[in-house]
Amino acid sequence: MKQGIAKYQIGQVVRHRIFPFRGVIFDVDPEYANTEEWWNSIPAEVRPTREQPFYHLLAENDETEYVAYVSEQNLVPDDSGTPLRHPQITQIFEAADPGRYRPKAIVAH
């Protein structure tokens, strides 16, 4: 099975192609790596293929903030430059250029 090369990067702000939410990418799976139950909960007519990158997002819509798991085919860059309000962003990222966040350095000894 051929694994996809990720089109988007950690720290990049993206939005969903169909649904009204956006978020910052904090992790990438080279192909589907969630549960079978989650997979089957997606209506078959809009279910993406498994053989593509899937992105973990700190996501938000007009009502709430949450973590989302989205296929690459359903994402587009968010070029609005509007900062995200998700409360976990400051735990993982620092602001960089508009539309992008930079992962915080991890100090270990």
PDB file of N, CA and C in Angstrom:
ATOM      1  N   MET A   1       0.844  -1.167   0.000  1.00  0.00           N
ATOM      2  CA  MET A   1       0.000   0.000   0.000  1.00  0.00           C
ATOM      3  C   MET A   1       0.897   1.242   0.000  1.00  0.00           C
ATOM      4  N   LYS A   2       0.687   2.146  -0.935  1.00  0.00           N
ATOM      5  CA  LYS A   2       1.498   3.355  -1.039  1.00  0.00           C
ATOM      6  C   LYS A   2       1.010   4.408  -0.050  1.00  0.00           C
ATOM      7  N   GLN A   3       1.942   4.921   0.749  1.00  0.00           N
ATOM      8  CA  GLN A   3       1.597   5.960   1.699  1.00  0.00           C
ATOM      9  C   GLN A   3       1.825   7.320   1.062  1.00  0.00           C
ATOM     10  N   GLY A   4       0.935   8.247   1.368  1.00  0.00           N
ATOM     11  CA  GLY A   4       1.038   9.573   0.802  1.00  0.00           C
ATOM     12  C   GLY A   4       2.097  10.431   1.472  1.00  0.00           C
ATOM     13  N   ILE A   5       2.600  11.377   0.728  1.00  0.00           N
ATOM     14  CA  ILE A   5       3.496  12.388   1.272  1.00  0.00           C
ATOM     15  C   ILE A   5       2.628  13.562   1.666  1.00  0.00           C
ATOM     16  N   ALA A   6       2.794  14.028   2.888  1.00  0.00           N
ATOM     17  CA  ALA A   6       1.939  15.093   3.421  1.00  0.00           C
ATOM     18  C   ALA A   6       2.100  16.385   2.631  1.00  0.00           C
ATOM     19  N   LYS A   7       0.984  16.927   2.219  1.00  0.00           N
ATOM     20  CA  LYS A   7       0.936  18.194   1.483  1.00  0.00           C
ATOM     21  C   LYS A   7       1.028  19.385   2.437  1.00  0.00           C
ATOM     22  N   TYR A   8       0.493  19.226   3.648  1.00  0.00           N
ATOM     23  CA  TYR A   8       0.463  20.295   4.642  1.00  0.00           C
ATOM     24  C   TYR A   8       1.446  19.986   5.761  1.00  0.00           C
ATOM     25  N   GLN A   9       1.828  21.019   6.512  1.00  0.00           N
ATOM     26  CA  GLN A   9       2.870  20.883   7.529  1.00  0.00           C
ATOM     27  C   GLN A   9       2.338  21.181   8.929  1.00  0.00           C
ATOM     28  N   ILE A  10       3.035  20.652   9.913  1.00  0.00           N
ATOM     29  CA  ILE A  10       2.711  20.953  11.302  1.00  0.00           C
ATOM     30  C   ILE A  10       2.868  22.457  11.507  1.00  0.00           C
ATOM     31  N   GLY A  11       1.861  23.048  12.127  1.00  0.00           N
ATOM     32  CA  GLY A  11       1.848  24.491  12.360  1.00  0.00           C
ATOM     33  C   GLY A  11       1.086  25.278  11.312  1.00  0.00           C
ATOM     34  N   GLN A  12       0.717  24.624  10.226  1.00  0.00           N
ATOM     35  CA  GLN A  12      -0.017  25.318   9.160  1.00  0.00           C
ATOM     36  C   GLN A  12      -1.497  25.413   9.516  1.00  0.00           C
ATOM     37  N   VAL A  13      -2.096  26.561   9.199  1.00  0.00           N
ATOM     38  CA  VAL A  13      -3.527  26.759   9.433  1.00  0.00           C
ATOM     39  C   VAL A  13      -4.274  26.338   8.163  1.00  0.00           C
ATOM     40  N   VAL A  14      -5.272  25.483   8.353  1.00  0.00           N
ATOM     41  CA  VAL A  14      -6.067  24.955   7.238  1.00  0.00           C
ATOM     42  C   VAL A  14      -7.543  25.073   7.595  1.00  0.00           C
ATOM     43  N   ARG A  15      -8.373  24.888   6.588  1.00  0.00           N
ATOM     44  CA  ARG A  15      -9.813  24.834   6.829  1.00  0.00           C
ATOM     45  C   ARG A  15     -10.377  23.633   6.091  1.00  0.00           C
ATOM     46  N   HIS A  16     -11.534  23.181   6.558  1.00  0.00           N
ATOM     47  CA  HIS A  16     -12.185  22.035   5.924  1.00  0.00           C
ATOM     48  C   HIS A  16     -12.809  22.481   4.608  1.00  0.00           C
ATOM     49  N   ARG A  17     -12.691  21.656   3.617  1.00  0.00           N
ATOM     50  CA  ARG A  17     -13.190  21.964   2.280  1.00  0.00           C
ATOM     51  C   ARG A  17     -14.713  22.035   2.238  1.00  0.00           C
ATOM     52  N   ILE A  18     -15.399  21.285   3.093  1.00  0.00           N
ATOM     53  CA  ILE A  18     -16.867  21.219   3.063  1.00  0.00           C
ATOM     54  C   ILE A  18     -17.501  21.831   4.313  1.00  0.00           C
ATOM     55  N   PHE A  19     -16.993  21.443   5.474  1.00  0.00           N
ATOM     56  CA  PHE A  19     -17.609  21.856   6.733  1.00  0.00           C
ATOM     57  C   PHE A  19     -16.970  23.151   7.250  1.00  0.00           C
ATOM     58  N   PRO A  20     -17.741  23.958   7.980  1.00  0.00           N
ATOM     59  CA  PRO A  20     -17.258  25.283   8.406  1.00  0.00           C
ATOM     60  C   PRO A  20     -16.381  25.250   9.665  1.00  0.00           C
ATOM     61  N   PHE A  21     -15.175  24.698   9.521  1.00  0.00           N
ATOM     62  CA  PHE A  21     -14.220  24.788  10.616  1.00  0.00           C
ATOM     63  C   PHE A  21     -12.814  24.911  10.063  1.00  0.00           C
ATOM     64  N   ARG A  22     -11.931  25.413  10.924  1.00  0.00           N
ATOM     65  CA  ARG A  22     -10.528  25.584  10.570  1.00  0.00           C
ATOM     66  C   ARG A  22      -9.692  25.204  11.766  1.00  0.00           C
ATOM     67  N   GLY A  23      -8.386  25.051  11.563  1.00  0.00           N
ATOM     68  CA  GLY A  23      -7.532  24.686  12.681  1.00  0.00           C
ATOM     69  C   GLY A  23      -6.072  24.678  12.288  1.00  0.00           C
ATOM     70  N   VAL A  24      -5.240  24.389  13.274  1.00  0.00           N
ATOM     71  CA  VAL A  24      -3.798  24.290  13.056  1.00  0.00           C
ATOM     72  C   VAL A  24      -3.400  22.820  13.179  1.00  0.00           C
ATOM     73  N   ILE A  25      -2.556  22.369  12.276  1.00  0.00           N
ATOM     74  CA  ILE A  25      -2.106  20.977  12.257  1.00  0.00           C
ATOM     75  C   ILE A  25      -1.075  20.767  13.363  1.00  0.00           C
ATOM     76  N   PHE A  26      -1.302  19.741  14.207  1.00  0.00           N
ATOM     77  CA  PHE A  26      -0.317  19.432  15.239  1.00  0.00           C
ATOM     78  C   PHE A  26       0.286  18.043  15.096  1.00  0.00           C
ATOM     79  N   ASP A  27      -0.239  17.223  14.188  1.00  0.00           N
ATOM     80  CA  ASP A  27       0.342  15.905  13.920  1.00  0.00           C
ATOM     81  C   ASP A  27      -0.182  15.418  12.576  1.00  0.00           C
ATOM     82  N   VAL A  28       0.569  14.498  11.960  1.00  0.00           N
ATOM     83  CA  VAL A  28       0.195  13.953  10.656  1.00  0.00           C
ATOM     84  C   VAL A  28       0.414  12.444  10.659  1.00  0.00           C
ATOM     85  N   ASP A  29      -0.575  11.707  10.169  1.00  0.00           N
ATOM     86  CA  ASP A  29      -0.431  10.273   9.931  1.00  0.00           C
ATOM     87  C   ASP A  29      -0.276  10.077   8.426  1.00  0.00           C
ATOM     88  N   PRO A  30       0.692   9.289   7.968  1.00  0.00           N
ATOM     89  CA  PRO A  30       0.884   9.117   6.526  1.00  0.00           C
ATOM     90  C   PRO A  30      -0.295   8.440   5.827  1.00  0.00           C
ATOM     91  N   GLU A  31      -1.102   7.731   6.589  1.00  0.00           N
ATOM     92  CA  GLU A  31      -2.359   7.165   6.092  1.00  0.00           C
ATOM     93  C   GLU A  31      -3.276   6.997   7.293  1.00  0.00           C
ATOM     94  N   TYR A  32      -4.529   6.638   7.044  1.00  0.00           N
ATOM     95  CA  TYR A  32      -5.531   6.534   8.104  1.00  0.00           C
ATOM     96  C   TYR A  32      -5.017   5.693   9.267  1.00  0.00           C
ATOM     97  N   ALA A  33      -5.147   6.217  10.487  1.00  0.00           N
ATOM     98  CA  ALA A  33      -4.674   5.511  11.676  1.00  0.00           C
ATOM     99  C   ALA A  33      -5.616   5.721  12.864  1.00  0.00           C
ATOM    100  N   ASN A  34      -6.900   5.832  12.601  1.00  0.00           N
ATOM    101  CA  ASN A  34      -7.881   5.987  13.672  1.00  0.00           C
ATOM    102  C   ASN A  34      -8.641   4.667  13.795  1.00  0.00           C
ATOM    103  N   THR A  35      -9.682   4.638  14.604  1.00  0.00           N
ATOM    104  CA  THR A  35     -10.401   3.391  14.859  1.00  0.00           C
ATOM    105  C   THR A  35     -11.332   3.018  13.703  1.00  0.00           C
ATOM    106  N   GLU A  36     -11.679   1.757  13.657  1.00  0.00           N
ATOM    107  CA  GLU A  36     -12.642   1.268  12.667  1.00  0.00           C
ATOM    108  C   GLU A  36     -14.025   1.860  12.947  1.00  0.00           C
ATOM    109  N   GLU A  37     -14.352   2.036  14.201  1.00  0.00           N
ATOM    110  CA  GLU A  37     -15.632   2.638  14.584  1.00  0.00           C
ATOM    111  C   GLU A  37     -15.740   4.061  14.027  1.00  0.00           C
ATOM    112  N   TRP A  38     -14.664   4.849  14.168  1.00  0.00           N
ATOM    113  CA  TRP A  38     -14.658   6.214  13.640  1.00  0.00           C
ATOM    114  C   TRP A  38     -14.829   6.182  12.130  1.00  0.00           C
ATOM    115  N   TRP A  39     -14.115   5.289  11.468  1.00  0.00           N
ATOM    116  CA  TRP A  39     -14.184   5.160  10.009  1.00  0.00           C
ATOM    117  C   TRP A  39     -15.610   4.854   9.558  1.00  0.00           C
ATOM    118  N   ASN A  40     -16.239   3.923  10.216  1.00  0.00           N
ATOM    119  CA  ASN A  40     -17.597   3.520   9.843  1.00  0.00           C
ATOM    120  C   ASN A  40     -18.646   4.568  10.183  1.00  0.00           C
ATOM    121  N   SER A  41     -18.317   5.519  11.040  1.00  0.00           N
ATOM    122  CA  SER A  41     -19.273   6.584  11.374  1.00  0.00           C
ATOM    123  C   SER A  41     -19.374   7.639  10.266  1.00  0.00           C
ATOM    124  N   ILE A  42     -18.427   7.617   9.336  1.00  0.00           N
ATOM    125  CA  ILE A  42     -18.457   8.564   8.207  1.00  0.00           C
ATOM    126  C   ILE A  42     -19.416   8.010   7.154  1.00  0.00           C
ATOM    127  N   PRO A  43     -20.389   8.795   6.712  1.00  0.00           N
ATOM    128  CA  PRO A  43     -21.307   8.295   5.671  1.00  0.00           C
ATOM    129  C   PRO A  43     -20.511   7.849   4.436  1.00  0.00           C
ATOM    130  N   ALA A  44     -20.867   6.689   3.904  1.00  0.00           N
ATOM    131  CA  ALA A  44     -20.120   6.088   2.793  1.00  0.00           C
ATOM    132  C   ALA A  44     -19.980   7.025   1.601  1.00  0.00           C
ATOM    133  N   GLU A  45     -20.984   7.841   1.345  1.00  0.00           N
ATOM    134  CA  GLU A  45     -20.939   8.721   0.170  1.00  0.00           C
ATOM    135  C   GLU A  45     -19.920   9.858   0.301  1.00  0.00           C
ATOM    136  N   VAL A  46     -19.457  10.144   1.506  1.00  0.00           N
ATOM    137  CA  VAL A  46     -18.435  11.186   1.688  1.00  0.00           C
ATOM    138  C   VAL A  46     -17.166  10.641   2.352  1.00  0.00           C
ATOM    139  N   ARG A  47     -17.093   9.337   2.522  1.00  0.00           N
ATOM    140  CA  ARG A  47     -15.939   8.721   3.183  1.00  0.00           C
ATOM    141  C   ARG A  47     -14.695   8.841   2.293  1.00  0.00           C
ATOM    142  N   PRO A  48     -13.600   9.395   2.833  1.00  0.00           N
ATOM    143  CA  PRO A  48     -12.370   9.514   2.041  1.00  0.00           C
ATOM    144  C   PRO A  48     -11.641   8.171   1.955  1.00  0.00           C
ATOM    145  N   THR A  49     -10.658   8.092   1.096  1.00  0.00           N
ATOM    146  CA  THR A  49      -9.846   6.881   1.038  1.00  0.00           C
ATOM    147  C   THR A  49      -8.898   6.859   2.230  1.00  0.00           C
ATOM    148  N   ARG A  50      -8.505   5.690   2.637  1.00  0.00           N
ATOM    149  CA  ARG A  50      -7.591   5.537   3.773  1.00  0.00           C
ATOM    150  C   ARG A  50      -6.142   5.816   3.374  1.00  0.00           C
ATOM    151  N   GLU A  51      -5.812   5.642   2.122  1.00  0.00           N
ATOM    152  CA  GLU A  51      -4.437   5.705   1.650  1.00  0.00           C
ATOM    153  C   GLU A  51      -4.020   7.125   1.287  1.00  0.00           C
ATOM    154  N   GLN A  52      -4.094   8.009   2.248  1.00  0.00           N
ATOM    155  CA  GLN A  52      -3.677   9.401   2.085  1.00  0.00           C
ATOM    156  C   GLN A  52      -3.342   9.929   3.476  1.00  0.00           C
ATOM    157  N   PRO A  53      -2.600  11.014   3.552  1.00  0.00           N
ATOM    158  CA  PRO A  53      -2.318  11.570   4.871  1.00  0.00           C
ATOM    159  C   PRO A  53      -3.591  12.027   5.585  1.00  0.00           C
ATOM    160  N   PHE A  54      -3.595  11.840   6.897  1.00  0.00           N
ATOM    161  CA  PHE A  54      -4.657  12.322   7.768  1.00  0.00           C
ATOM    162  C   PHE A  54      -4.015  13.244   8.796  1.00  0.00           C
ATOM    163  N   TYR A  55      -4.687  14.333   9.108  1.00  0.00           N
ATOM    164  CA  TYR A  55      -4.128  15.393   9.934  1.00  0.00           C
ATOM    165  C   TYR A  55      -4.900  15.540  11.237  1.00  0.00           C
ATOM    166  N   HIS A  56      -4.158  15.736  12.318  1.00  0.00           N
ATOM    167  CA  HIS A  56      -4.731  16.042  13.627  1.00  0.00           C
ATOM    168  C   HIS A  56      -4.723  17.562  13.743  1.00  0.00           C
ATOM    169  N   LEU A  57      -5.878  18.142  14.003  1.00  0.00           N
ATOM    170  CA  LEU A  57      -6.008  19.598  14.082  1.00  0.00           C
ATOM    171  C   LEU A  57      -6.509  20.040  15.446  1.00  0.00           C
ATOM    172  N   LEU A  58      -5.980  21.156  15.920  1.00  0.00           N
ATOM    173  CA  LEU A  58      -6.637  21.894  16.990  1.00  0.00           C
ATOM    174  C   LEU A  58      -7.634  22.754  16.230  1.00  0.00           C
ATOM    175  N   ALA A  59      -8.885  22.338  16.241  1.00  0.00           N
ATOM    176  CA  ALA A  59      -9.896  22.911  15.359  1.00  0.00           C
ATOM    177  C   ALA A  59     -10.887  23.782  16.115  1.00  0.00           C
ATOM    178  N   GLU A  60     -11.579  24.613  15.336  1.00  0.00           N
ATOM    179  CA  GLU A  60     -12.621  25.460  15.911  1.00  0.00           C
ATOM    180  C   GLU A  60     -13.637  25.815  14.837  1.00  0.00           C
ATOM    181  N   ASN A  61     -14.863  26.037  15.302  1.00  0.00           N
ATOM    182  CA  ASN A  61     -15.909  26.587  14.450  1.00  0.00           C
ATOM    183  C   ASN A  61     -16.504  27.778  15.196  1.00  0.00           C
ATOM    184  N   ASP A  62     -17.623  28.266  14.768  1.00  0.00           N
ATOM    185  CA  ASP A  62     -18.209  29.442  15.419  1.00  0.00           C
ATOM    186  C   ASP A  62     -18.637  29.183  16.860  1.00  0.00           C
ATOM    187  N   GLU A  63     -18.903  27.920  17.209  1.00  0.00           N
ATOM    188  CA  GLU A  63     -19.427  27.614  18.533  1.00  0.00           C
ATOM    189  C   GLU A  63     -18.410  27.077  19.529  1.00  0.00           C
ATOM    190  N   THR A  64     -17.408  26.320  19.058  1.00  0.00           N
ATOM    191  CA  THR A  64     -16.563  25.591  20.010  1.00  0.00           C
ATOM    192  C   THR A  64     -15.184  25.288  19.445  1.00  0.00           C
ATOM    193  N   GLU A  65     -14.321  24.786  20.318  1.00  0.00           N
ATOM    194  CA  GLU A  65     -12.992  24.336  19.943  1.00  0.00           C
ATOM    195  C   GLU A  65     -12.898  22.848  20.255  1.00  0.00           C
ATOM    196  N   TYR A  66     -12.150  22.114  19.449  1.00  0.00           N
ATOM    197  CA  TYR A  66     -12.052  20.663  19.611  1.00  0.00           C
ATOM    198  C   TYR A  66     -10.852  20.145  18.838  1.00  0.00           C
ATOM    199  N   VAL A  67     -10.606  18.845  18.911  1.00  0.00           N
ATOM    200  CA  VAL A  67      -9.569  18.196  18.117  1.00  0.00           C
ATOM    201  C   VAL A  67     -10.265  17.458  16.983  1.00  0.00           C
ATOM    202  N   ALA A  68      -9.755  17.634  15.774  1.00  0.00           N
ATOM    203  CA  ALA A  68     -10.341  16.989  14.592  1.00  0.00           C
ATOM    204  C   ALA A  68      -9.298  16.108  13.910  1.00  0.00           C
ATOM    205  N   TYR A  69      -9.777  15.111  13.200  1.00  0.00           N
ATOM    206  CA  TYR A  69      -8.938  14.193  12.420  1.00  0.00           C
ATOM    207  C   TYR A  69      -9.477  14.242  11.000  1.00  0.00           C
ATOM    208  N   VAL A  70      -8.695  14.768  10.057  1.00  0.00           N
ATOM    209  CA  VAL A  70      -9.223  15.090   8.729  1.00  0.00           C
ATOM    210  C   VAL A  70      -8.297  14.566   7.635  1.00  0.00           C
ATOM    211  N   SER A  71      -8.900  14.023   6.586  1.00  0.00           N
ATOM    212  CA  SER A  71      -8.131  13.552   5.435  1.00  0.00           C
ATOM    213  C   SER A  71      -7.583  14.731   4.634  1.00  0.00           C
ATOM    214  N   GLU A  72      -6.475  14.493   3.973  1.00  0.00           N
ATOM    215  CA  GLU A  72      -5.866  15.553   3.177  1.00  0.00           C
ATOM    216  C   GLU A  72      -6.812  16.077   2.098  1.00  0.00           C
ATOM    217  N   GLN A  73      -7.579  15.190   1.475  1.00  0.00           N
ATOM    218  CA  GLN A  73      -8.475  15.618   0.394  1.00  0.00           C
ATOM    219  C   GLN A  73      -9.538  16.601   0.864  1.00  0.00           C
ATOM    220  N   ASN A  74      -9.778  16.666   2.176  1.00  0.00           N
ATOM    221  CA  ASN A  74     -10.803  17.562   2.705  1.00  0.00           C
ATOM    222  C   ASN A  74     -10.248  18.837   3.319  1.00  0.00           C
ATOM    223  N   LEU A  75      -8.969  19.107   3.109  1.00  0.00           N
ATOM    224  CA  LEU A  75      -8.364  20.320   3.649  1.00  0.00           C
ATOM    225  C   LEU A  75      -7.904  21.253   2.547  1.00  0.00           C
ATOM    226  N   VAL A  76      -7.950  22.538   2.840  1.00  0.00           N
ATOM    227  CA  VAL A  76      -7.383  23.579   1.972  1.00  0.00           C
ATOM    228  C   VAL A  76      -6.681  24.575   2.889  1.00  0.00           C
ATOM    229  N   PRO A  77      -5.677  25.267   2.380  1.00  0.00           N
ATOM    230  CA  PRO A  77      -5.004  26.263   3.216  1.00  0.00           C
ATOM    231  C   PRO A  77      -5.971  27.363   3.642  1.00  0.00           C
ATOM    232  N   ASP A  78      -5.794  27.867   4.848  1.00  0.00           N
ATOM    233  CA  ASP A  78      -6.571  29.012   5.313  1.00  0.00           C
ATOM    234  C   ASP A  78      -5.655  30.223   5.219  1.00  0.00           C
ATOM    235  N   ASP A  79      -5.922  31.066   4.262  1.00  0.00           N
ATOM    236  CA  ASP A  79      -5.085  32.239   4.012  1.00  0.00           C
ATOM    237  C   ASP A  79      -5.664  33.515   4.630  1.00  0.00           C
ATOM    238  N   SER A  80      -6.612  33.370   5.565  1.00  0.00           N
ATOM    239  CA  SER A  80      -7.267  34.548   6.137  1.00  0.00           C
ATOM    240  C   SER A  80      -6.332  35.366   7.028  1.00  0.00           C
ATOM    241  N   GLY A  81      -5.333  34.713   7.624  1.00  0.00           N
ATOM    242  CA  GLY A  81      -4.445  35.420   8.550  1.00  0.00           C
ATOM    243  C   GLY A  81      -5.078  35.678   9.908  1.00  0.00           C
ATOM    244  N   THR A  82      -6.305  35.236  10.111  1.00  0.00           N
ATOM    245  CA  THR A  82      -7.002  35.425  11.379  1.00  0.00           C
ATOM    246  C   THR A  82      -6.467  34.435  12.412  1.00  0.00           C
ATOM    247  N   PRO A  83      -6.025  34.912  13.580  1.00  0.00           N
ATOM    248  CA  PRO A  83      -5.508  33.997  14.606  1.00  0.00           C
ATOM    249  C   PRO A  83      -6.593  33.032  15.083  1.00  0.00           C
ATOM    250  N   LEU A  84      -6.168  31.861  15.479  1.00  0.00           N
ATOM    251  CA  LEU A  84      -7.083  30.881  16.053  1.00  0.00           C
ATOM    252  C   LEU A  84      -7.224  31.146  17.544  1.00  0.00           C
ATOM    253  N   ARG A  85      -8.340  30.716  18.129  1.00  0.00           N
ATOM    254  CA  ARG A  85      -8.598  30.956  19.549  1.00  0.00           C
ATOM    255  C   ARG A  85      -8.510  29.672  20.380  1.00  0.00           C
ATOM    256  N   HIS A  86      -8.225  28.535  19.764  1.00  0.00           N
ATOM    257  CA  HIS A  86      -8.203  27.257  20.479  1.00  0.00           C
ATOM    258  C   HIS A  86      -7.284  27.367  21.701  1.00  0.00           C
ATOM    259  N   PRO A  87      -7.767  27.006  22.900  1.00  0.00           N
ATOM    260  CA  PRO A  87      -6.972  27.213  24.119  1.00  0.00           C
ATOM    261  C   PRO A  87      -5.696  26.366  24.198  1.00  0.00           C
ATOM    262  N   GLN A  88      -5.607  25.275  23.476  1.00  0.00           N
ATOM    263  CA  GLN A  88      -4.414  24.422  23.535  1.00  0.00           C
ATOM    264  C   GLN A  88      -3.281  24.902  22.629  1.00  0.00           C
ATOM    265  N   ILE A  89      -3.543  25.852  21.768  1.00  0.00           N
ATOM    266  CA  ILE A  89      -2.512  26.314  20.840  1.00  0.00           C
ATOM    267  C   ILE A  89      -1.277  26.803  21.583  1.00  0.00           C
ATOM    268  N   THR A  90      -1.465  27.570  22.646  1.00  0.00           N
ATOM    269  CA  THR A  90      -0.308  28.133  23.354  1.00  0.00           C
ATOM    270  C   THR A  90       0.509  27.072  24.088  1.00  0.00           C
ATOM    271  N   GLN A  91      -0.042  25.883  24.297  1.00  0.00           N
ATOM    272  CA  GLN A  91       0.702  24.788  24.925  1.00  0.00           C
ATOM    273  C   GLN A  91       1.679  24.147  23.941  1.00  0.00           C
ATOM    274  N   ILE A  92       1.351  24.201  22.649  1.00  0.00           N
ATOM    275  CA  ILE A  92       2.133  23.504  21.633  1.00  0.00           C
ATOM    276  C   ILE A  92       2.905  24.453  20.721  1.00  0.00           C
ATOM    277  N   PHE A  93       2.316  25.614  20.447  1.00  0.00           N
ATOM    278  CA  PHE A  93       2.856  26.510  19.433  1.00  0.00           C
ATOM    279  C   PHE A  93       3.120  27.917  19.953  1.00  0.00           C
ATOM    280  N   GLU A  94       3.927  28.628  19.175  1.00  0.00           N
ATOM    281  CA  GLU A  94       4.061  30.077  19.325  1.00  0.00           C
ATOM    282  C   GLU A  94       3.705  30.671  17.965  1.00  0.00           C
ATOM    283  N   ALA A  95       3.239  31.895  17.960  1.00  0.00           N
ATOM    284  CA  ALA A  95       2.839  32.533  16.704  1.00  0.00           C
ATOM    285  C   ALA A  95       4.056  32.721  15.804  1.00  0.00           C
ATOM    286  N   ALA A  96       3.850  32.548  14.531  1.00  0.00           N
ATOM    287  CA  ALA A  96       4.906  32.775  13.537  1.00  0.00           C
ATOM    288  C   ALA A  96       4.324  33.742  12.512  1.00  0.00           C
ATOM    289  N   ASP A  97       4.484  33.446  11.249  1.00  0.00           N
ATOM    290  CA  ASP A  97       3.915  34.269  10.185  1.00  0.00           C
ATOM    291  C   ASP A  97       2.398  34.091  10.176  1.00  0.00           C
ATOM    292  N   PRO A  98       1.661  35.047   9.571  1.00  0.00           N
ATOM    293  CA  PRO A  98       0.207  34.855   9.445  1.00  0.00           C
ATOM    294  C   PRO A  98      -0.094  33.519   8.746  1.00  0.00           C
ATOM    295  N   GLY A  99      -1.052  32.789   9.313  1.00  0.00           N
ATOM    296  CA  GLY A  99      -1.420  31.498   8.735  1.00  0.00           C
ATOM    297  C   GLY A  99      -0.513  30.353   9.143  1.00  0.00           C
ATOM    298  N   ARG A 100       0.348  30.582  10.099  1.00  0.00           N
ATOM    299  CA  ARG A 100       1.298  29.555  10.518  1.00  0.00           C
ATOM    300  C   ARG A 100       1.657  29.738  11.993  1.00  0.00           C
ATOM    301  N   TYR A 101       1.858  28.615  12.657  1.00  0.00           N
ATOM    302  CA  TYR A 101       2.343  28.599  14.029  1.00  0.00           C
ATOM    303  C   TYR A 101       3.624  27.765  14.051  1.00  0.00           C
ATOM    304  N   ARG A 102       4.529  28.097  14.962  1.00  0.00           N
ATOM    305  CA  ARG A 102       5.806  27.401  15.074  1.00  0.00           C
ATOM    306  C   ARG A 102       5.762  26.547  16.339  1.00  0.00           C
ATOM    307  N   PRO A 103       6.081  25.234  16.229  1.00  0.00           N
ATOM    308  CA  PRO A 103       6.093  24.397  17.436  1.00  0.00           C
ATOM    309  C   PRO A 103       7.083  24.954  18.465  1.00  0.00           C
ATOM    310  N   LYS A 104       6.694  24.920  19.722  1.00  0.00           N
ATOM    311  CA  LYS A 104       7.579  25.364  20.796  1.00  0.00           C
ATOM    312  C   LYS A 104       8.739  24.372  20.916  1.00  0.00           C
ATOM    313  N   ALA A 105       9.886  24.882  21.289  1.00  0.00           N
ATOM    314  CA  ALA A 105      11.036  24.025  21.516  1.00  0.00           C
ATOM    315  C   ALA A 105      10.771  23.172  22.744  1.00  0.00           C
ATOM    316  N   ILE A 106      11.185  21.923  22.679  1.00  0.00           N
ATOM    317  CA  ILE A 106      11.046  21.011  23.815  1.00  0.00           C
ATOM    318  C   ILE A 106      12.432  20.845  24.426  1.00  0.00           C
ATOM    319  N   VAL A 107      12.529  21.190  25.689  1.00  0.00           N
ATOM    320  CA  VAL A 107      13.806  21.090  26.379  1.00  0.00           C
ATOM    321  C   VAL A 107      13.777  19.835  27.241  1.00  0.00           C
ATOM    322  N   ALA A 108      14.756  18.968  27.031  1.00  0.00           N
ATOM    323  CA  ALA A 108      14.856  17.743  27.802  1.00  0.00           C
ATOM    324  C   ALA A 108      16.302  17.554  28.241  1.00  0.00           C
ATOM    325  N   HIS A 109      16.467  16.794  29.289  1.00  0.00           N
ATOM    326  CA  HIS A 109      17.837  16.494  29.735  1.00  0.00           C
ATOM    327  C   HIS A 109      17.969  15.033  30.074  1.00  0.00           C
TER     328      HIS A 109
END
